[in-house]
Amino acid sequence: MESVAVKNRSESTGSWNLASLTAEKRAEIEAHKAACLGRWKAAQDLAATIYAQRRDKGNGWRMWAERELAAHPELEQEARAKLNRLMKGKGGDG
């Protein structure tokens, strides 16, 4: 009976012991984590690429940057946040 109570308590707090899940469920979670990490890295790269073009593009950089962000709607929000941090001189993610 105690293990059921512990399991329910874990589920209610959102805490999971991956070892207690099926192999399929663990694989699903790992695939989701990999996809999220891939999107995060792509957004970071997009922001860095846009920021690196700042001096080369001159006065047209801001409009160009907006077009680049809009061309990647799946990354736009996170890339814009990273770009804003870079513009403020706080590019570190911490």
C-alpha atoms as a PDB file:
ATOM      1  CA  MET A   1       0.000   0.000   0.000  1.00  0.00           C
ATOM      2  CA  GLU A   2       2.855   2.389   0.731  1.00  0.00           C
ATOM      3  CA  SER A   3       4.239   2.151  -2.821  1.00  0.00           C
ATOM      4  CA  VAL A   4       0.854   3.191  -4.234  1.00  0.00           C
ATOM      5  CA  ALA A   5       0.797   6.237  -1.959  1.00  0.00           C
ATOM      6  CA  VAL A   6       4.336   7.166  -2.987  1.00  0.00           C
ATOM      7  CA  LYS A   7       3.461   6.727  -6.649  1.00  0.00           C
ATOM      8  CA  ASN A   8       0.369   8.922  -6.298  1.00  0.00           C
ATOM      9  CA  ARG A   9       2.316  11.569  -4.410  1.00  0.00           C
ATOM     10  CA  SER A  10       4.962  11.587  -7.145  1.00  0.00           C
ATOM     11  CA  GLU A  11       2.336  11.920  -9.846  1.00  0.00           C
ATOM     12  CA  SER A  12       0.594  14.786  -8.059  1.00  0.00           C
ATOM     13  CA  THR A  13       3.843  16.760  -7.800  1.00  0.00           C
ATOM     14  CA  GLY A  14       4.873  16.007 -11.371  1.00  0.00           C
ATOM     15  CA  SER A  15       7.965  14.147 -10.218  1.00  0.00           C
ATOM     16  CA  TRP A  16       8.678  10.939 -12.117  1.00  0.00           C
ATOM     17  CA  ASN A  17      11.085   8.112 -11.534  1.00  0.00           C
ATOM     18  CA  LEU A  18      12.043   7.233 -15.100  1.00  0.00           C
ATOM     19  CA  ALA A  19      13.098   3.754 -14.041  1.00  0.00           C
ATOM     20  CA  SER A  20       9.482   2.941 -13.204  1.00  0.00           C
ATOM     21  CA  LEU A  21       8.263   3.855 -16.703  1.00  0.00           C
ATOM     22  CA  THR A  22       8.061   1.524 -19.659  1.00  0.00           C
ATOM     23  CA  ALA A  23      10.860   1.542 -22.202  1.00  0.00           C
ATOM     24  CA  GLU A  24       8.493   3.055 -24.765  1.00  0.00           C
ATOM     25  CA  LYS A  25       7.529   5.917 -22.444  1.00  0.00           C
ATOM     26  CA  ARG A  26      11.186   6.600 -21.583  1.00  0.00           C
ATOM     27  CA  ALA A  27      12.031   6.644 -25.300  1.00  0.00           C
ATOM     28  CA  GLU A  28       9.151   9.066 -25.916  1.00  0.00           C
ATOM     29  CA  ILE A  29      10.429  11.380 -23.171  1.00  0.00           C
ATOM     30  CA  GLU A  30      13.987  11.222 -24.515  1.00  0.00           C
ATOM     31  CA  ALA A  31      12.776  11.988 -28.054  1.00  0.00           C
ATOM     32  CA  HIS A  32      10.842  14.996 -26.746  1.00  0.00           C
ATOM     33  CA  LYS A  33      13.893  16.221 -24.811  1.00  0.00           C
ATOM     34  CA  ALA A  34      16.059  15.859 -27.929  1.00  0.00           C
ATOM     35  CA  ALA A  35      13.545  17.803 -30.033  1.00  0.00           C
ATOM     36  CA  CYS A  36      13.367  20.593 -27.442  1.00  0.00           C
ATOM     37  CA  LEU A  37      17.149  20.790 -27.229  1.00  0.00           C
ATOM     38  CA  GLY A  38      17.392  20.913 -31.021  1.00  0.00           C
ATOM     39  CA  ARG A  39      14.921  23.828 -31.184  1.00  0.00           C
ATOM     40  CA  TRP A  40      16.766  25.633 -28.390  1.00  0.00           C
ATOM     41  CA  LYS A  41      20.108  25.251 -30.170  1.00  0.00           C
ATOM     42  CA  ALA A  42      18.604  26.387 -33.479  1.00  0.00           C
ATOM     43  CA  ALA A  43      17.142  29.495 -31.803  1.00  0.00           C
ATOM     44  CA  GLN A  44      20.486  30.281 -30.166  1.00  0.00           C
ATOM     45  CA  ASP A  45      22.270  29.889 -33.509  1.00  0.00           C
ATOM     46  CA  LEU A  46      19.714  32.063 -35.304  1.00  0.00           C
ATOM     47  CA  ALA A  47      20.088  34.843 -32.734  1.00  0.00           C
ATOM     48  CA  ALA A  48      23.886  34.653 -32.903  1.00  0.00           C
ATOM     49  CA  THR A  49      23.825  34.751 -36.705  1.00  0.00           C
ATOM     50  CA  ILE A  50      21.533  37.778 -36.738  1.00  0.00           C
ATOM     51  CA  TYR A  51      23.619  39.553 -34.112  1.00  0.00           C
ATOM     52  CA  ALA A  52      26.839  38.842 -36.025  1.00  0.00           C
ATOM     53  CA  GLN A  53      25.417  40.639 -39.080  1.00  0.00           C
ATOM     54  CA  ARG A  54      24.740  43.819 -37.121  1.00  0.00           C
ATOM     55  CA  ARG A  55      27.750  45.776 -38.333  1.00  0.00           C
ATOM     56  CA  ASP A  56      27.706  44.402 -41.895  1.00  0.00           C
ATOM     57  CA  LYS A  57      24.068  45.317 -42.534  1.00  0.00           C
ATOM     58  CA  GLY A  58      24.406  48.865 -41.194  1.00  0.00           C
ATOM     59  CA  ASN A  59      21.213  50.925 -40.921  1.00  0.00           C
ATOM     60  CA  GLY A  60      19.105  48.208 -42.552  1.00  0.00           C
ATOM     61  CA  TRP A  61      20.039  45.626 -39.930  1.00  0.00           C
ATOM     62  CA  ARG A  62      16.944  46.009 -37.763  1.00  0.00           C
ATOM     63  CA  MET A  63      14.509  45.478 -40.647  1.00  0.00           C
ATOM     64  CA  TRP A  64      16.608  42.582 -41.933  1.00  0.00           C
ATOM     65  CA  ALA A  65      16.672  41.055 -38.442  1.00  0.00           C
ATOM     66  CA  GLU A  66      12.874  41.282 -38.198  1.00  0.00           C
ATOM     67  CA  ARG A  67      12.516  39.496 -41.557  1.00  0.00           C
ATOM     68  CA  GLU A  68      14.949  36.780 -40.457  1.00  0.00           C
ATOM     69  CA  LEU A  69      13.041  36.223 -37.218  1.00  0.00           C
ATOM     70  CA  ALA A  70       9.676  36.187 -39.016  1.00  0.00           C
ATOM     71  CA  ALA A  71      11.027  33.608 -41.476  1.00  0.00           C
ATOM     72  CA  HIS A  72      11.430  31.161 -38.572  1.00  0.00           C
ATOM     73  CA  PRO A  73       8.138  31.349 -36.632  1.00  0.00           C
ATOM     74  CA  GLU A  74       8.900  28.176 -34.662  1.00  0.00           C
ATOM     75  CA  LEU A  75      12.081  29.808 -33.310  1.00  0.00           C
ATOM     76  CA  GLU A  76      11.075  33.466 -33.313  1.00  0.00           C
ATOM     77  CA  GLN A  77      10.136  33.927 -29.659  1.00  0.00           C
ATOM     78  CA  GLU A  78      13.196  32.240 -28.186  1.00  0.00           C
ATOM     79  CA  ALA A  79      15.583  33.688 -30.790  1.00  0.00           C
ATOM     80  CA  ARG A  80      14.192  37.180 -30.158  1.00  0.00           C
ATOM     81  CA  ALA A  81      14.730  36.774 -26.404  1.00  0.00           C
ATOM     82  CA  LYS A  82      18.336  35.676 -26.967  1.00  0.00           C
ATOM     83  CA  LEU A  83      18.914  38.509 -29.442  1.00  0.00           C
ATOM     84  CA  ASN A  84      17.583  41.016 -26.898  1.00  0.00           C
ATOM     85  CA  ARG A  85      20.002  39.636 -24.293  1.00  0.00           C
ATOM     86  CA  LEU A  86      22.866  39.958 -26.774  1.00  0.00           C
ATOM     87  CA  MET A  87      21.877  43.548 -27.564  1.00  0.00           C
ATOM     88  CA  LYS A  88      21.934  44.404 -23.854  1.00  0.00           C
ATOM     89  CA  GLY A  89      25.358  42.809 -23.468  1.00  0.00           C
ATOM     90  CA  LYS A  90      23.956  39.943 -21.406  1.00  0.00           C
ATOM     91  CA  GLY A  91      24.313  37.107 -23.892  1.00  0.00           C
ATOM     92  CA  GLY A  92      24.970  34.430 -21.278  1.00  0.00           C
ATOM     93  CA  ASP A  93      22.158  32.011 -20.516  1.00  0.00           C
ATOM     94  CA  GLY A  94      22.181  31.913 -16.776  1.00  0.00           C
END
